[in-house]
Amino acid sequence: MENNEAADNSSENRAENTGTEDSFGRPRIKKDISIIDGKGMQRRSMFKKRYCKFCKNEFNNINYKNIELLIKFTKSRGKIVPRRFTGNCAHHQRLVTNEIKRARYIALLPYICD
């Protein structure tokens, strides 16, 4: 008899606490989505559309001798800046990369800056 009463009490307790506890007896935590940006939506970063400077004819002379131009397409450590940062089209990025490599070979540009 006592076991049946204990079973009845536990089932009553479960029925009462269904809103605040899960099946293991732990308290339920409501997840607040509004923490993401305060409005309940995820932020999307806006970025400026990049364009190829060579296709727009701002620079028409891609040459290994033109050091001022090639420095703009290298990082401070000497690495070549990728297409997604410069905005160059694939054709002009290949030309710039080859000219940077030529300038490095002749020692007009450094391979690595310390």
Protein backbone atom coordinates (compact mmCIF):
# COMPACT_ATOMS: atom_id res chain seq x y z
CA MET A 1 0.00 0.00 0.00
CA GLU A 2 2.76 2.39 0.88
CA ASN A 3 4.54 1.76 -2.42
CA ASN A 4 1.37 2.60 -4.35
CA GLU A 5 0.90 5.82 -2.37
CA ALA A 6 4.53 6.83 -3.06
CA ALA A 7 4.02 6.13 -6.75
CA ASP A 8 0.84 8.23 -6.78
CA ASN A 9 2.60 11.13 -5.02
CA SER A 10 5.51 11.08 -7.48
CA SER A 11 3.14 11.10 -10.45
CA GLU A 12 1.24 14.02 -8.92
CA ASN A 13 4.50 15.91 -8.43
CA ARG A 14 5.44 15.30 -12.04
CA ALA A 15 2.10 16.60 -13.22
CA GLU A 16 2.47 19.76 -11.14
CA ASN A 17 6.05 20.51 -12.25
CA THR A 18 5.75 19.81 -15.96
CA GLY A 19 6.03 23.49 -16.81
CA THR A 20 9.17 24.17 -14.80
CA GLU A 21 11.11 20.90 -14.88
CA ASP A 22 12.12 18.42 -17.54
CA SER A 23 11.69 14.63 -17.31
CA PHE A 24 14.83 14.30 -15.16
CA GLY A 25 13.63 16.83 -12.57
CA ARG A 26 16.00 19.57 -13.68
CA PRO A 27 14.59 23.09 -14.01
CA ARG A 28 13.79 24.16 -17.55
CA ILE A 29 15.61 27.17 -18.90
CA LYS A 30 13.91 29.28 -21.49
CA LYS A 31 16.25 30.23 -24.30
CA ASP A 32 16.07 33.89 -25.13
CA ILE A 33 16.78 34.47 -28.81
CA SER A 34 16.71 38.24 -28.38
CA ILE A 35 20.23 38.07 -26.89
CA ILE A 36 21.66 37.77 -30.39
CA ASP A 37 21.21 41.44 -31.25
CA GLY A 38 18.45 42.66 -28.96
CA LYS A 39 15.74 42.35 -31.60
CA GLY A 40 15.62 38.58 -32.00
CA MET A 41 17.35 38.59 -35.39
CA GLN A 42 20.84 37.69 -36.43
CA ARG A 43 22.98 40.50 -37.76
CA ARG A 44 24.21 40.45 -41.30
CA SER A 45 27.26 42.47 -42.03
CA MET A 46 26.97 44.89 -44.89
CA PHE A 47 30.00 45.19 -47.09
CA LYS A 48 31.00 47.41 -49.95
CA LYS A 49 30.97 45.77 -53.36
CA ARG A 50 34.55 45.53 -54.61
CA TYR A 51 35.44 45.99 -58.22
CA CYS A 52 38.49 45.37 -60.35
CA LYS A 53 40.56 48.54 -60.56
CA PHE A 54 42.25 47.36 -63.72
CA CYS A 55 38.98 46.73 -65.55
CA LYS A 56 37.87 50.27 -64.66
CA ASN A 57 41.16 51.57 -66.15
CA GLU A 58 42.38 53.32 -63.02
CA PHE A 59 45.70 51.53 -63.49
CA ASN A 60 46.60 50.36 -66.94
CA ASN A 61 50.27 49.54 -66.37
CA ILE A 62 50.82 46.22 -64.60
CA ASN A 63 54.58 45.83 -64.69
CA TYR A 64 57.22 44.48 -62.33
CA LYS A 65 58.99 47.85 -62.53
CA ASN A 66 55.96 49.68 -61.12
CA ILE A 67 56.79 49.12 -57.45
CA GLU A 68 54.27 51.66 -56.05
CA LEU A 69 51.42 49.73 -57.64
CA LEU A 70 52.66 46.30 -56.55
CA ILE A 71 53.14 47.40 -52.94
CA LYS A 72 49.39 48.11 -52.76
CA PHE A 73 48.75 44.43 -53.46
CA THR A 74 51.11 43.09 -50.79
CA LYS A 75 50.67 43.01 -47.03
CA SER A 76 53.16 44.57 -44.65
CA ARG A 77 54.80 41.16 -44.13
CA GLY A 78 55.30 40.72 -47.87
CA LYS A 79 52.41 38.36 -48.59
CA ILE A 80 50.27 38.81 -51.70
CA VAL A 81 46.78 40.09 -50.86
CA PRO A 82 44.06 37.67 -52.08
CA ARG A 83 41.35 38.49 -54.59
CA ARG A 84 38.54 38.69 -52.08
CA PHE A 85 40.26 41.63 -50.36
CA THR A 86 41.50 43.54 -53.40
CA GLY A 87 38.41 43.01 -55.56
CA ASN A 88 40.43 42.18 -58.66
CA CYS A 89 39.03 39.91 -61.31
CA ALA A 90 40.76 36.54 -61.77
CA HIS A 91 42.64 37.63 -64.90
CA HIS A 92 44.14 40.78 -63.36
CA GLN A 93 44.87 39.05 -60.03
CA ARG A 94 46.97 36.49 -61.93
CA LEU A 95 48.84 39.26 -63.73
CA VAL A 96 49.51 41.14 -60.49
CA THR A 97 50.69 37.95 -58.78
CA ASN A 98 53.10 37.13 -61.60
CA GLU A 99 54.50 40.67 -61.63
CA ILE A 100 55.00 40.59 -57.84
CA LYS A 101 56.88 37.32 -58.20
CA ARG A 102 59.07 38.80 -60.94
CA ALA A 103 59.82 41.86 -58.81
CA ARG A 104 60.77 39.59 -55.92
CA TYR A 105 63.09 37.56 -58.12
CA ILE A 106 64.94 40.72 -59.23
CA ALA A 107 64.96 41.95 -55.59
CA LEU A 108 62.76 44.98 -56.19
CA LEU A 109 60.28 43.63 -53.61
CA PRO A 110 61.15 41.57 -50.52
CA TYR A 111 59.94 38.00 -50.10
CA ILE A 112 59.48 38.48 -46.34
CA CYS A 113 59.56 41.65 -44.26
CA ASP A 114 60.68 41.44 -40.65
